[in-house]
Amino acid sequence: MPAAVSRIVLLSVCLLLLSESPNLAAANLMRRSDPVLSLTADPSTAVIKVGDKAMINLTLTSAGISGQACFDQQGFPASGFTLTFVPECAQVQQPVTRASLIVEATPAAAPQNFTASIVATIGNQTVSTPLTITVVPAIPPWIPWLGILLFFLVIGVALFVKPRKLKGKGKMRD
């Protein structure tokens, strides 16, 4: 009988382990899965006139990560731009942390097109997203209207003012 009892005990332990294994497997799977971290920029492309600003909305999606996220950039020209992250660092909120980037093309910015990266760092994890910037020259709105006005003025003068005839019919006087 002791062998029969040991078999029953062993069988009971196996059944107990098998009945708990789906829960144990799910718990182990959750522990083994890597934390999820991603960053997006909206819009991911901005056209900025020299002297103007653009606001970019940043969304940091995280799962299983806690701590403070700090934002930075890589790839902007050394001069001609002022970048402001609001906030520069933020406590991670699950599942989404939001921030903004204000990009100003100062008068020193040259018309150009480039792609930079916006970076978010939490502890030793870093994630980035591309941001394409196109800088266009700033033209005051009155300049095109002035050109149109001058065009019509010249046409009007040409149509309504008759040239005077010269006396002397081309002879030069001493």
C-alpha atoms as a PDB file:
ATOM      1  CA  MET A   1       0.000   0.000   0.000  1.00  0.00           C
ATOM      2  CA  PRO A   2       2.728   2.531   0.575  1.00  0.00           C
ATOM      3  CA  ALA A   3       3.557   2.350  -3.128  1.00  0.00           C
ATOM      4  CA  ALA A   4      -0.081   3.017  -4.022  1.00  0.00           C
ATOM      5  CA  VAL A   5      -0.185   5.994  -1.652  1.00  0.00           C
ATOM      6  CA  SER A   6       3.009   7.435  -3.092  1.00  0.00           C
ATOM      7  CA  ARG A   7       1.576   7.036  -6.609  1.00  0.00           C
ATOM      8  CA  ILE A   8      -1.608   8.833  -5.588  1.00  0.00           C
ATOM      9  CA  VAL A   9       0.379  11.637  -3.966  1.00  0.00           C
ATOM     10  CA  LEU A  10       2.627  11.931  -7.003  1.00  0.00           C
ATOM     11  CA  LEU A  11      -0.376  11.909  -9.355  1.00  0.00           C
ATOM     12  CA  SER A  12      -2.116  14.579  -7.239  1.00  0.00           C
ATOM     13  CA  VAL A  13       0.973  16.803  -7.287  1.00  0.00           C
ATOM     14  CA  CYS A  14       1.255  16.422 -11.081  1.00  0.00           C
ATOM     15  CA  LEU A  15      -2.425  17.264 -11.564  1.00  0.00           C
ATOM     16  CA  LEU A  16      -2.086  20.274  -9.279  1.00  0.00           C
ATOM     17  CA  LEU A  17       0.951  21.516 -11.195  1.00  0.00           C
ATOM     18  CA  LEU A  18      -0.751  20.958 -14.546  1.00  0.00           C
ATOM     19  CA  SER A  19      -3.885  22.810 -13.438  1.00  0.00           C
ATOM     20  CA  GLU A  20      -1.776  25.771 -12.282  1.00  0.00           C
ATOM     21  CA  SER A  21       0.579  25.759 -15.264  1.00  0.00           C
ATOM     22  CA  PRO A  22      -1.487  28.080 -17.518  1.00  0.00           C
ATOM     23  CA  ASN A  23      -1.429  30.733 -14.797  1.00  0.00           C
ATOM     24  CA  LEU A  24       2.253  30.146 -14.104  1.00  0.00           C
ATOM     25  CA  ALA A  25       3.079  30.248 -17.810  1.00  0.00           C
ATOM     26  CA  ALA A  26       1.200  33.542 -18.238  1.00  0.00           C
ATOM     27  CA  ALA A  27       2.926  35.060 -15.211  1.00  0.00           C
ATOM     28  CA  ASN A  28       6.329  33.949 -16.498  1.00  0.00           C
ATOM     29  CA  LEU A  29       5.508  35.263 -19.977  1.00  0.00           C
ATOM     30  CA  MET A  30       4.594  38.656 -18.563  1.00  0.00           C
ATOM     31  CA  ARG A  31       7.843  38.760 -16.604  1.00  0.00           C
ATOM     32  CA  ARG A  32       9.889  37.726 -19.617  1.00  0.00           C
ATOM     33  CA  SER A  33       8.381  40.196 -22.086  1.00  0.00           C
ATOM     34  CA  ASP A  34      10.523  43.206 -22.781  1.00  0.00           C
ATOM     35  CA  PRO A  35       9.197  46.633 -21.883  1.00  0.00           C
ATOM     36  CA  VAL A  36       7.620  48.504 -24.777  1.00  0.00           C
ATOM     37  CA  LEU A  37       8.842  52.018 -25.541  1.00  0.00           C
ATOM     38  CA  SER A  38       8.098  54.100 -28.644  1.00  0.00           C
ATOM     39  CA  LEU A  39       8.063  57.782 -29.599  1.00  0.00           C
ATOM     40  CA  THR A  40       6.038  59.537 -32.307  1.00  0.00           C
ATOM     41  CA  ALA A  41       5.975  63.137 -33.534  1.00  0.00           C
ATOM     42  CA  ASP A  42       2.836  64.781 -34.905  1.00  0.00           C
ATOM     43  CA  PRO A  43       3.339  66.220 -37.426  1.00  0.00           C
ATOM     44  CA  SER A  44       6.502  64.420 -38.468  1.00  0.00           C
ATOM     45  CA  THR A  45       7.158  67.040 -41.168  1.00  0.00           C
ATOM     46  CA  ALA A  46       7.082  70.809 -40.611  1.00  0.00           C
ATOM     47  CA  VAL A  47       7.506  73.773 -42.949  1.00  0.00           C
ATOM     48  CA  ILE A  48       8.687  76.861 -41.077  1.00  0.00           C
ATOM     49  CA  LYS A  49       9.212  80.377 -42.414  1.00  0.00           C
ATOM     50  CA  VAL A  50      12.317  82.160 -41.181  1.00  0.00           C
ATOM     51  CA  GLY A  51      11.254  83.983 -38.022  1.00  0.00           C
ATOM     52  CA  ASP A  52       8.252  81.693 -37.352  1.00  0.00           C
ATOM     53  CA  LYS A  53       7.615  78.763 -35.017  1.00  0.00           C
ATOM     54  CA  ALA A  54       6.120  75.301 -35.356  1.00  0.00           C
ATOM     55  CA  MET A  55       4.678  73.137 -32.588  1.00  0.00           C
ATOM     56  CA  ILE A  56       5.304  69.389 -32.713  1.00  0.00           C
ATOM     57  CA  ASN A  57       3.288  67.084 -30.426  1.00  0.00           C
ATOM     58  CA  LEU A  58       5.317  64.216 -28.970  1.00  0.00           C
ATOM     59  CA  THR A  59       3.748  60.977 -27.742  1.00  0.00           C
ATOM     60  CA  LEU A  60       5.835  58.550 -25.705  1.00  0.00           C
ATOM     61  CA  THR A  61       4.137  55.158 -25.450  1.00  0.00           C
ATOM     62  CA  SER A  62       5.452  52.908 -22.703  1.00  0.00           C
ATOM     63  CA  ALA A  63       4.442  49.644 -21.084  1.00  0.00           C
ATOM     64  CA  GLY A  64       6.241  48.207 -18.125  1.00  0.00           C
ATOM     65  CA  ILE A  65       8.560  51.196 -17.832  1.00  0.00           C
ATOM     66  CA  SER A  66       8.601  53.746 -15.072  1.00  0.00           C
ATOM     67  CA  GLY A  67      10.802  56.683 -14.289  1.00  0.00           C
ATOM     68  CA  GLN A  68      11.476  60.067 -15.780  1.00  0.00           C
ATOM     69  CA  ALA A  69      11.592  60.632 -19.533  1.00  0.00           C
ATOM     70  CA  CYS A  70      13.830  63.403 -20.843  1.00  0.00           C
ATOM     71  CA  PHE A  71      13.590  64.728 -24.399  1.00  0.00           C
ATOM     72  CA  ASP A  72      16.413  65.918 -26.625  1.00  0.00           C
ATOM     73  CA  GLN A  73      17.294  66.305 -30.313  1.00  0.00           C
ATOM     74  CA  GLN A  74      20.000  65.178 -32.683  1.00  0.00           C
ATOM     75  CA  GLY A  75      20.710  66.558 -36.130  1.00  0.00           C
ATOM     76  CA  PHE A  76      19.517  70.169 -35.979  1.00  0.00           C
ATOM     77  CA  PRO A  77      21.970  72.720 -37.406  1.00  0.00           C
ATOM     78  CA  ALA A  78      24.225  74.367 -34.827  1.00  0.00           C
ATOM     79  CA  SER A  79      22.761  77.819 -35.461  1.00  0.00           C
ATOM     80  CA  GLY A  80      19.500  79.269 -36.676  1.00  0.00           C
ATOM     81  CA  PHE A  81      17.108  77.306 -34.496  1.00  0.00           C
ATOM     82  CA  THR A  82      15.694  77.540 -30.995  1.00  0.00           C
ATOM     83  CA  LEU A  83      14.155  74.344 -29.640  1.00  0.00           C
ATOM     84  CA  THR A  84      11.989  74.216 -26.536  1.00  0.00           C
ATOM     85  CA  PHE A  85      10.655  70.971 -25.065  1.00  0.00           C
ATOM     86  CA  VAL A  86       7.579  71.368 -22.851  1.00  0.00           C
ATOM     87  CA  PRO A  87       8.305  69.720 -20.471  1.00  0.00           C
ATOM     88  CA  GLU A  88      11.966  68.895 -20.988  1.00  0.00           C
ATOM     89  CA  CYS A  89      11.632  65.960 -18.571  1.00  0.00           C
ATOM     90  CA  ALA A  90       8.404  64.311 -17.416  1.00  0.00           C
ATOM     91  CA  GLN A  91       7.395  61.489 -15.118  1.00  0.00           C
ATOM     92  CA  VAL A  92       6.302  58.566 -17.306  1.00  0.00           C
ATOM     93  CA  GLN A  93       2.546  58.051 -17.326  1.00  0.00           C
ATOM     94  CA  GLN A  94       1.217  54.640 -18.365  1.00  0.00           C
ATOM     95  CA  PRO A  95       0.554  53.991 -21.200  1.00  0.00           C
ATOM     96  CA  VAL A  96       1.140  57.425 -22.815  1.00  0.00           C
ATOM     97  CA  THR A  97       3.225  60.454 -21.861  1.00  0.00           C
ATOM     98  CA  ARG A  98       2.713  63.631 -23.870  1.00  0.00           C
ATOM     99  CA  ALA A  99       5.071  66.550 -24.491  1.00  0.00           C
ATOM    100  CA  SER A 100       5.523  69.306 -27.064  1.00  0.00           C
ATOM    101  CA  LEU A 101       8.442  70.637 -29.042  1.00  0.00           C
ATOM    102  CA  ILE A 102       8.450  74.238 -30.222  1.00  0.00           C
ATOM    103  CA  VAL A 103      10.848  74.779 -33.131  1.00  0.00           C
ATOM    104  CA  GLU A 104      11.697  78.377 -34.031  1.00  0.00           C
ATOM    105  CA  ALA A 105      13.600  79.255 -37.184  1.00  0.00           C
ATOM    106  CA  THR A 106      15.459  82.398 -36.117  1.00  0.00           C
ATOM    107  CA  PRO A 107      16.460  85.100 -38.649  1.00  0.00           C
ATOM    108  CA  ALA A 108      19.858  83.372 -38.812  1.00  0.00           C
ATOM    109  CA  ALA A 109      18.264  80.196 -40.233  1.00  0.00           C
ATOM    110  CA  ALA A 110      19.064  79.569 -43.875  1.00  0.00           C
ATOM    111  CA  PRO A 111      16.415  78.133 -46.203  1.00  0.00           C
ATOM    112  CA  GLN A 112      17.057  74.392 -46.130  1.00  0.00           C
ATOM    113  CA  ASN A 113      15.578  70.929 -45.761  1.00  0.00           C
ATOM    114  CA  PHE A 114      16.874  68.358 -43.249  1.00  0.00           C
ATOM    115  CA  THR A 115      15.820  65.434 -41.093  1.00  0.00           C
ATOM    116  CA  ALA A 116      16.659  65.407 -37.402  1.00  0.00           C
ATOM    117  CA  SER A 117      15.819  62.991 -34.603  1.00  0.00           C
ATOM    118  CA  ILE A 118      13.792  63.634 -31.479  1.00  0.00           C
ATOM    119  CA  VAL A 119      15.049  61.448 -28.653  1.00  0.00           C
ATOM    120  CA  ALA A 120      13.420  60.309 -25.403  1.00  0.00           C
ATOM    121  CA  THR A 121      15.543  58.707 -22.689  1.00  0.00           C
ATOM    122  CA  ILE A 122      14.262  56.787 -19.665  1.00  0.00           C
ATOM    123  CA  GLY A 123      17.071  55.457 -17.514  1.00  0.00           C
ATOM    124  CA  ASN A 124      19.315  53.493 -19.873  1.00  0.00           C
ATOM    125  CA  GLN A 125      16.662  53.111 -22.600  1.00  0.00           C
ATOM    126  CA  THR A 126      16.524  55.504 -25.532  1.00  0.00           C
ATOM    127  CA  VAL A 127      14.004  55.775 -28.331  1.00  0.00           C
ATOM    128  CA  SER A 128      13.871  58.238 -31.243  1.00  0.00           C
ATOM    129  CA  THR A 129      11.633  59.395 -34.063  1.00  0.00           C
ATOM    130  CA  PRO A 130      12.513  61.315 -37.247  1.00  0.00           C
ATOM    131  CA  LEU A 131      11.408  64.918 -37.789  1.00  0.00           C
ATOM    132  CA  THR A 132      11.756  66.533 -41.221  1.00  0.00           C
ATOM    133  CA  ILE A 133      12.091  70.319 -41.237  1.00  0.00           C
ATOM    134  CA  THR A 134      11.833  72.573 -44.284  1.00  0.00           C
ATOM    135  CA  VAL A 135      12.819  76.216 -43.779  1.00  0.00           C
ATOM    136  CA  VAL A 136      11.480  78.716 -46.319  1.00  0.00           C
ATOM    137  CA  PRO A 137      12.378  82.399 -46.618  1.00  0.00           C
ATOM    138  CA  ALA A 138      10.023  84.874 -45.034  1.00  0.00           C
ATOM    139  CA  ILE A 139       8.520  87.349 -47.471  1.00  0.00           C
ATOM    140  CA  PRO A 140       6.410  90.141 -46.008  1.00  0.00           C
ATOM    141  CA  PRO A 141       2.827  89.852 -47.317  1.00  0.00           C
ATOM    142  CA  TRP A 142       2.848  93.388 -48.743  1.00  0.00           C
ATOM    143  CA  ILE A 143       5.704  92.731 -51.184  1.00  0.00           C
ATOM    144  CA  PRO A 144       3.649  90.682 -53.707  1.00  0.00           C
ATOM    145  CA  TRP A 145       0.850  93.264 -53.562  1.00  0.00           C
ATOM    146  CA  LEU A 146       3.322  96.067 -54.197  1.00  0.00           C
ATOM    147  CA  GLY A 147       4.586  94.239 -57.291  1.00  0.00           C
ATOM    148  CA  ILE A 148       1.034  93.807 -58.610  1.00  0.00           C
ATOM    149  CA  LEU A 149       0.268  97.492 -57.975  1.00  0.00           C
ATOM    150  CA  LEU A 150       3.423  98.622 -59.792  1.00  0.00           C
ATOM    151  CA  PHE A 151       2.621  96.364 -62.737  1.00  0.00           C
ATOM    152  CA  PHE A 152      -0.831  97.899 -63.218  1.00  0.00           C
ATOM    153  CA  LEU A 153       0.534 101.407 -62.696  1.00  0.00           C
ATOM    154  CA  VAL A 154       3.078 100.963 -65.493  1.00  0.00           C
ATOM    155  CA  ILE A 155       0.441  99.450 -67.815  1.00  0.00           C
ATOM    156  CA  GLY A 156      -1.954 102.320 -67.012  1.00  0.00           C
ATOM    157  CA  VAL A 157       0.664 104.960 -67.733  1.00  0.00           C
ATOM    158  CA  ALA A 158       1.566 103.267 -71.004  1.00  0.00           C
ATOM    159  CA  LEU A 159      -2.077 103.140 -72.123  1.00  0.00           C
ATOM    160  CA  PHE A 160      -3.243 106.597 -71.100  1.00  0.00           C
ATOM    161  CA  VAL A 161      -0.247 108.911 -71.398  1.00  0.00           C
ATOM    162  CA  LYS A 162       0.690 109.884 -74.916  1.00  0.00           C
ATOM    163  CA  PRO A 163       4.323 110.673 -75.596  1.00  0.00           C
ATOM    164  CA  ARG A 164       5.114 114.278 -76.651  1.00  0.00           C
ATOM    165  CA  LYS A 165       6.464 114.969 -80.069  1.00  0.00           C
ATOM    166  CA  LEU A 166       9.846 116.582 -80.121  1.00  0.00           C
ATOM    167  CA  LYS A 167      10.253 119.913 -81.922  1.00  0.00           C
ATOM    168  CA  GLY A 168      13.077 119.908 -84.325  1.00  0.00           C
ATOM    169  CA  LYS A 169      12.404 116.462 -85.682  1.00  0.00           C
ATOM    170  CA  GLY A 170      15.566 114.825 -84.660  1.00  0.00           C
ATOM    171  CA  LYS A 171      17.981 117.676 -85.385  1.00  0.00           C
ATOM    172  CA  MET A 172      20.481 118.492 -82.743  1.00  0.00           C
ATOM    173  CA  ARG A 173      21.023 122.066 -81.687  1.00  0.00           C
ATOM    174  CA  ASP A 174      24.360 123.601 -80.861  1.00  0.00           C
END
